[in-house]
């Protein structure tokens, strides 16, 4: 099981990791789509596991 899995992280840790990824992404990658934001929020809420 990954150290980043829902079982091994808190909601706050998942939210912080997503915020860091979005900050890095804002430096030049394409914008995160609204559909992706919904998936990310489901992961933060512990509803959806994101594969490595």
N, C-alpha and C. Protein backbone atom coordinates (compact mmCIF):
# COMPACT_ATOMS: atom_id res chain seq x y z
N UNK A 1 0.84 -1.17 0.00
CA UNK A 1 0.00 0.00 0.00
C UNK A 1 0.90 1.25 0.00
N UNK A 2 0.56 2.20 -0.80
CA UNK A 2 1.34 3.41 -0.95
C UNK A 2 1.25 4.31 0.28
N UNK A 3 2.33 5.01 0.55
CA UNK A 3 2.29 5.95 1.68
C UNK A 3 1.35 7.11 1.39
N UNK A 4 0.93 7.26 0.13
CA UNK A 4 0.02 8.34 -0.25
C UNK A 4 -1.43 7.87 -0.36
N UNK A 5 -1.70 6.62 -0.02
CA UNK A 5 -3.06 6.11 -0.14
C UNK A 5 -3.97 6.75 0.90
N UNK A 6 -5.26 6.63 0.67
CA UNK A 6 -6.24 7.19 1.60
C UNK A 6 -6.06 6.61 2.99
N UNK A 7 -5.77 5.31 3.05
CA UNK A 7 -5.62 4.65 4.35
C UNK A 7 -4.42 5.18 5.14
N UNK A 8 -3.44 5.73 4.44
CA UNK A 8 -2.21 6.19 5.10
C UNK A 8 -2.09 7.70 5.22
N UNK A 9 -3.13 8.43 4.87
CA UNK A 9 -3.07 9.89 4.93
C UNK A 9 -4.35 10.45 5.55
N UNK A 10 -4.24 11.66 6.06
CA UNK A 10 -5.41 12.35 6.58
C UNK A 10 -5.99 13.22 5.46
N UNK A 11 -7.19 13.67 5.68
CA UNK A 11 -7.82 14.57 4.71
C UNK A 11 -6.97 15.82 4.54
N UNK A 12 -6.44 16.34 5.62
CA UNK A 12 -5.61 17.55 5.56
C UNK A 12 -4.33 17.30 4.76
N UNK A 13 -3.71 16.14 4.93
CA UNK A 13 -2.51 15.82 4.16
C UNK A 13 -2.82 15.71 2.67
N UNK A 14 -3.95 15.10 2.34
CA UNK A 14 -4.32 14.98 0.92
C UNK A 14 -4.60 16.36 0.33
N UNK A 15 -5.26 17.23 1.08
CA UNK A 15 -5.55 18.58 0.59
C UNK A 15 -4.26 19.37 0.39
N UNK A 16 -3.33 19.24 1.33
CA UNK A 16 -2.04 19.95 1.21
C UNK A 16 -1.25 19.45 0.02
N UNK A 17 -1.23 18.14 -0.19
CA UNK A 17 -0.50 17.58 -1.33
C UNK A 17 -1.10 18.08 -2.64
N UNK A 18 -2.43 18.15 -2.71
CA UNK A 18 -3.07 18.66 -3.92
C UNK A 18 -2.74 20.14 -4.12
N UNK A 19 -2.75 20.92 -3.05
CA UNK A 19 -2.41 22.35 -3.17
C UNK A 19 -0.99 22.53 -3.69
N UNK A 20 -0.07 21.72 -3.22
CA UNK A 20 1.31 21.79 -3.70
C UNK A 20 1.39 21.43 -5.18
N UNK A 21 0.68 20.39 -5.58
CA UNK A 21 0.68 19.98 -6.98
C UNK A 21 0.08 21.07 -7.88
N UNK A 22 -0.98 21.70 -7.43
CA UNK A 22 -1.60 22.78 -8.21
C UNK A 22 -0.66 23.98 -8.32
N UNK A 23 0.09 24.26 -7.27
CA UNK A 23 1.05 25.37 -7.31
C UNK A 23 2.14 25.10 -8.33
N UNK A 24 2.66 23.90 -8.33
CA UNK A 24 3.68 23.53 -9.31
C UNK A 24 3.09 23.58 -10.71
N UNK A 25 1.89 23.08 -10.87
CA UNK A 25 1.22 23.05 -12.16
C UNK A 25 1.01 24.46 -12.71
N UNK A 26 0.78 25.43 -11.84
CA UNK A 26 0.51 26.80 -12.28
C UNK A 26 1.73 27.47 -12.89
N UNK A 27 2.89 26.86 -12.77
CA UNK A 27 4.11 27.46 -13.31
C UNK A 27 4.27 27.26 -14.81
N UNK A 28 3.32 26.59 -15.44
CA UNK A 28 3.44 26.49 -16.88
C UNK A 28 2.66 25.37 -17.52
N UNK A 29 2.08 24.52 -16.75
CA UNK A 29 1.29 23.43 -17.32
C UNK A 29 -0.12 23.94 -17.65
N UNK A 30 -0.87 23.11 -18.34
CA UNK A 30 -2.23 23.53 -18.68
C UNK A 30 -3.09 23.55 -17.42
N UNK A 31 -4.15 24.33 -17.47
CA UNK A 31 -5.06 24.48 -16.34
C UNK A 31 -5.71 23.15 -15.98
N UNK A 32 -5.98 22.95 -14.71
CA UNK A 32 -6.71 21.77 -14.25
C UNK A 32 -8.18 21.97 -14.65
N UNK A 33 -8.75 20.95 -15.26
CA UNK A 33 -10.14 21.06 -15.71
C UNK A 33 -11.09 20.94 -14.52
N UNK A 34 -12.29 21.47 -14.67
CA UNK A 34 -13.29 21.31 -13.60
C UNK A 34 -13.57 19.83 -13.29
N UNK A 35 -13.53 18.99 -14.31
CA UNK A 35 -13.77 17.56 -14.10
C UNK A 35 -12.67 16.96 -13.23
N UNK A 36 -11.42 17.36 -13.48
CA UNK A 36 -10.30 16.88 -12.67
C UNK A 36 -10.42 17.39 -11.24
N UNK A 37 -10.86 18.62 -11.07
CA UNK A 37 -11.02 19.18 -9.73
C UNK A 37 -12.03 18.37 -8.92
N UNK A 38 -13.10 17.91 -9.58
CA UNK A 38 -14.09 17.07 -8.91
C UNK A 38 -13.44 15.77 -8.45
N UNK A 39 -12.63 15.15 -9.32
CA UNK A 39 -11.95 13.91 -8.95
C UNK A 39 -10.98 14.15 -7.79
N UNK A 40 -10.24 15.23 -7.83
CA UNK A 40 -9.30 15.54 -6.76
C UNK A 40 -10.04 15.73 -5.44
N UNK A 41 -11.17 16.43 -5.48
CA UNK A 41 -11.93 16.64 -4.25
C UNK A 41 -12.45 15.32 -3.71
N UNK A 42 -12.87 14.42 -4.58
CA UNK A 42 -13.31 13.09 -4.13
C UNK A 42 -12.17 12.35 -3.45
N UNK A 43 -10.95 12.52 -3.95
CA UNK A 43 -9.79 11.90 -3.32
C UNK A 43 -9.54 12.51 -1.94
N UNK A 44 -9.58 13.83 -1.86
CA UNK A 44 -9.39 14.50 -0.57
C UNK A 44 -10.43 14.03 0.44
N UNK A 45 -11.66 13.85 -0.02
CA UNK A 45 -12.74 13.41 0.86
C UNK A 45 -12.67 11.93 1.21
N UNK A 46 -11.71 11.22 0.61
CA UNK A 46 -11.53 9.81 0.91
C UNK A 46 -12.46 8.88 0.14
N UNK A 47 -13.03 9.36 -0.95
CA UNK A 47 -13.97 8.57 -1.74
C UNK A 47 -13.33 7.87 -2.93
N UNK A 48 -12.17 8.35 -3.35
CA UNK A 48 -11.57 7.87 -4.58
C UNK A 48 -10.06 7.78 -4.41
N UNK A 49 -9.51 6.60 -4.66
CA UNK A 49 -8.06 6.41 -4.58
C UNK A 49 -7.46 6.84 -5.91
N UNK A 50 -6.35 7.56 -5.86
CA UNK A 50 -5.65 7.98 -7.08
C UNK A 50 -4.45 7.05 -7.25
N UNK A 51 -4.37 6.43 -8.41
CA UNK A 51 -3.27 5.52 -8.70
C UNK A 51 -1.97 6.30 -8.83
N UNK A 52 -0.87 5.65 -8.47
CA UNK A 52 0.43 6.30 -8.63
C UNK A 52 0.81 6.36 -10.09
